Protein backbone atom coordinates (compact mmCIF):
# COMPACT_ATOMS: atom_id res chain seq x y z
CA LYS A 1 108.56 -147.42 79.36
CA ASN A 2 106.57 -149.41 81.89
CA LYS A 3 104.52 -152.18 80.21
CA SER A 4 101.68 -151.86 82.75
CA ASP A 5 101.43 -148.08 82.19
CA GLN A 6 101.49 -148.62 78.41
CA LYS A 7 98.56 -151.05 78.68
CA LYS A 8 96.54 -148.58 80.86
CA MET A 9 97.21 -145.70 78.46
CA THR A 10 96.30 -147.85 75.45
CA ASN A 11 92.98 -148.78 77.11
CA ILE A 12 92.22 -145.11 77.84
CA ILE A 13 92.98 -144.18 74.23
CA LEU A 14 90.74 -146.99 72.92
CA GLU A 15 87.85 -145.95 75.20
CA ASP A 16 88.22 -142.31 74.13
CA ILE A 17 88.25 -143.26 70.45
CA GLN A 18 85.03 -145.30 70.98
CA ARG A 19 83.44 -142.34 72.82
CA ILE A 20 84.40 -139.89 70.02
CA ASP A 21 83.13 -142.36 67.40
CA ARG A 22 79.75 -142.59 69.18
CA LEU A 23 79.57 -138.85 69.51
CA ILE A 24 80.38 -138.22 65.82
CA THR A 25 77.80 -140.84 64.73
CA ASP A 26 75.11 -139.28 66.97
CA ILE A 27 75.86 -135.75 65.89
CA SER A 28 75.82 -136.81 62.21
CA PHE A 29 72.50 -138.62 62.71
CA SER A 30 71.00 -135.63 64.55
CA SER A 31 72.04 -133.15 61.88
CA LYS A 32 70.49 -135.28 59.10
CA LEU A 33 67.32 -136.02 61.03
CA ASP A 34 65.36 -132.86 60.09
CA ALA A 35 65.94 -133.51 56.39
CA ASP A 36 65.05 -137.22 56.83
CA LEU A 37 61.80 -136.32 58.66
CA VAL A 38 60.76 -134.00 55.76
CA ARG A 39 61.25 -136.85 53.29
CA VAL A 40 59.82 -139.71 55.33
CA LYS A 41 56.34 -140.88 54.39
CA PHE A 42 53.90 -141.08 57.25
CA ASN A 43 51.39 -143.93 57.24
CA GLU A 44 48.42 -144.96 59.38
CA ILE A 45 49.86 -146.93 62.30
CA ASP A 46 48.25 -148.95 65.08
CA ILE A 47 50.47 -147.48 67.84
CA ASN A 48 49.21 -149.98 70.39
CA LYS A 49 50.26 -152.94 68.24
CA LEU A 50 53.57 -151.28 67.26
CA LEU A 51 54.37 -150.71 70.96
CA TYR A 52 53.41 -154.29 71.88
CA ASN A 53 55.58 -155.80 69.16
CA TYR A 54 58.47 -153.57 70.03
CA ILE A 55 58.34 -154.52 73.70
CA MET A 56 58.08 -158.29 72.92
CA ILE A 57 61.22 -157.98 70.82
CA ARG A 58 63.08 -156.07 73.60
CA LEU A 59 61.96 -158.62 76.17
CA SER A 60 63.28 -161.52 74.08
CA ASN A 61 66.82 -160.19 74.13
CA THR A 62 67.17 -158.45 77.52
CA ASP A 63 67.21 -159.39 81.19
CA TYR A 64 65.48 -156.20 82.28
CA LYS A 65 61.90 -156.14 83.51
CA ILE A 66 59.50 -154.38 81.16
CA LYS A 67 55.79 -154.49 81.93
CA PHE A 68 53.36 -153.37 79.25
CA GLN A 69 49.77 -152.51 80.01
CA GLU A 70 48.39 -153.48 76.62
CA LEU A 71 44.99 -152.46 75.34
CA ASN A 72 42.67 -154.88 73.49
CA TYR A 73 41.78 -152.36 70.81
CA SER A 74 43.55 -150.31 68.13
CA LEU A 75 44.81 -146.77 68.56
CA LYS A 76 45.74 -145.19 65.23
CA VAL A 77 48.18 -142.37 64.42
CA TYR A 78 49.84 -141.05 61.31
CA GLY A 79 53.57 -141.54 61.53
CA SER A 80 56.77 -143.47 60.78
CA GLU A 81 57.12 -146.82 62.51
CA ASN A 82 60.88 -146.75 62.35
CA LYS A 83 61.21 -143.26 63.81
CA LEU A 84 58.71 -143.98 66.62
CA VAL A 85 60.55 -147.21 67.50
CA GLN A 86 63.71 -145.15 67.68
CA VAL A 87 62.10 -142.92 70.28
CA PHE A 88 60.97 -145.96 72.27
CA ASP A 89 64.52 -147.31 72.12
CA ASN A 90 66.07 -144.06 73.27
CA ILE A 91 63.74 -143.90 76.27
CA LEU A 92 64.29 -147.51 77.36
CA ASP A 93 68.05 -147.26 76.82
CA ASN A 94 68.17 -144.17 78.98
CA SER A 95 66.36 -145.87 81.87
CA ILE A 96 68.43 -149.00 81.60
CA SER A 97 71.74 -147.09 81.40
CA ILE A 98 70.94 -145.16 84.59
CA LYS A 99 69.48 -147.90 86.74
CA GLY A 100 71.42 -150.89 85.42
CA LYS A 101 70.39 -154.46 85.85
CA ASN A 102 67.86 -153.57 88.62
CA CYS A 103 65.87 -151.46 86.13
CA LYS A 104 62.15 -152.03 86.10
CA ILE A 105 60.09 -150.29 83.36
CA LYS A 106 56.36 -149.97 83.08
CA VAL A 107 54.84 -148.86 79.77
CA LYS A 108 51.23 -147.69 79.56
CA ILE A 109 49.19 -146.49 76.57
CA PHE A 110 45.75 -144.86 76.68
CA SER A 111 43.66 -142.23 74.99
CA GLU A 112 42.00 -139.06 76.15
CA LYS A 113 39.65 -137.32 73.71
CA ASN A 114 41.70 -136.82 70.49
CA LYS A 115 45.11 -137.65 72.04
CA ILE A 116 47.08 -140.82 72.62
CA ILE A 117 49.31 -140.87 75.68
CA ILE A 118 52.22 -143.28 76.13
CA GLN A 119 53.98 -143.33 79.49
CA PHE A 120 57.35 -144.87 80.26
CA ASP A 121 57.91 -145.23 84.04
CA ASP A 122 61.07 -146.50 85.62
CA ASN A 123 62.37 -147.06 89.17
CA GLY A 124 65.49 -144.90 88.75
CA PRO A 125 66.63 -141.85 90.70
CA GLY A 126 64.39 -139.51 88.67
CA PHE A 127 65.50 -136.21 87.09
CA PRO A 128 67.27 -133.49 89.10
CA SER A 129 64.79 -130.69 89.73
CA ASN A 130 66.98 -128.26 87.82
CA ALA A 131 67.13 -130.60 84.81
CA ILE A 132 63.43 -131.20 84.06
CA ASN A 133 63.47 -128.53 81.37
CA LYS A 134 67.03 -129.31 80.15
CA VAL A 135 66.88 -133.01 79.38
CA PHE A 136 65.78 -132.42 75.75
CA GLU A 137 68.67 -130.06 75.09
CA ARG A 138 71.39 -131.40 72.79
CA PHE A 139 74.34 -132.95 74.63
CA TYR A 140 72.68 -132.73 78.01
CA THR A 141 73.59 -135.61 80.28
CA ASP A 142 73.61 -136.11 84.04
CA ARG A 143 74.87 -139.67 84.58
CA ILE A 144 75.19 -140.77 88.17
CA ASN A 145 76.89 -144.05 87.25
CA GLU A 146 80.58 -143.37 86.61
CA ASN A 147 80.85 -146.59 84.56
CA GLU A 148 78.47 -145.06 82.06
CA PHE A 149 80.49 -141.89 81.56
CA GLY A 150 81.35 -141.32 77.90
CA LYS A 151 78.97 -144.02 76.67
CA HIS A 152 76.19 -141.56 75.88
CA SER A 153 76.28 -138.43 73.75
CA GLY A 154 73.39 -136.60 75.42
CA LEU A 155 71.49 -136.60 72.15
CA GLY A 156 68.98 -139.43 72.70
CA LEU A 157 66.16 -137.38 74.22
CA SER A 158 66.93 -134.42 71.91
CA ILE A 159 66.55 -136.74 68.90
CA SER A 160 63.35 -138.16 70.44
CA LYS A 161 61.90 -134.66 70.76
CA GLN A 162 62.71 -133.91 67.12
CA ILE A 163 60.91 -137.06 66.00
CA ILE A 164 57.87 -136.51 68.20
CA SER A 165 57.65 -132.88 67.12
CA ALA A 166 57.70 -134.00 63.47
CA HIS A 167 54.69 -136.18 64.34
CA ASP A 168 52.95 -133.01 65.63
CA GLY A 169 53.16 -134.43 69.10
CA ASN A 170 54.66 -133.58 72.45
CA ILE A 171 57.13 -135.25 74.82
CA TYR A 172 57.93 -134.26 78.40
CA VAL A 173 59.37 -135.72 81.56
CA GLU A 174 58.40 -135.72 85.23
CA ASN A 175 59.44 -137.43 88.46
CA LEU A 176 57.32 -140.07 90.11
CA LEU A 177 56.70 -139.30 93.84
CA ASN A 178 55.41 -141.41 96.71
CA SER A 179 53.06 -140.14 99.41
CA SER A 180 56.00 -138.57 101.26
CA ASN A 181 56.98 -136.59 98.12
CA THR A 182 60.15 -138.69 97.72
CA ILE A 183 61.24 -139.45 94.12
CA ILE A 184 60.70 -143.10 93.31
CA GLY A 185 61.31 -142.99 89.60
CA ALA A 186 61.01 -141.07 86.34
CA ARG A 187 58.30 -140.83 83.73
CA VAL A 188 58.57 -139.91 80.05
CA ASN A 189 55.24 -138.89 78.49
CA ILE A 190 54.62 -139.00 74.73
CA ILE A 191 51.42 -137.40 73.36
CA LEU A 192 50.32 -138.09 69.82
CA ASN A 193 47.27 -137.13 67.75
CA LYS A 194 44.70 -139.91 67.46
CA ILE A 195 43.05 -140.75 64.08
CA TRP A 196 39.30 -140.99 64.41
């Protein structure tokens, strides 16, 4: 009967509807992804150029600090540009959602023998030690920021792993430590096969 209580309850209902809608959308996308990846045509991609273009676009419409250690030569892989960009998006969005407006991200790409390694470092709280092997599980989330609760389905890194696996690659996470073994951030590593 109280107008103030009605407004609070209406806001809670609307937030829950948005959360459920996001969850259904992400689950639907995740369940279709395997079939999509079988059908998608892989092409030769300059992953260094793709990453550079992607980061320039992100920098043009965000206030967050993203530093890219660009190479002055091509690194080629077979893959899907759209799917790889989706992985990059998931990783950056994760870092930004956890650290907020103080987020700083450093992206590095390099090659070792027949592999291409892409590293995304952030200045966040890192991963809980018991979560290092869980972060790629479907629906896993460990949000510290209460304001972010319900805004994420816990499928972003799981979807990223599906996509990277379809590219015959590997993705894993680790914590960044200082000389005192204190966590100073998180790193997501992507390893792809280089075309010679």
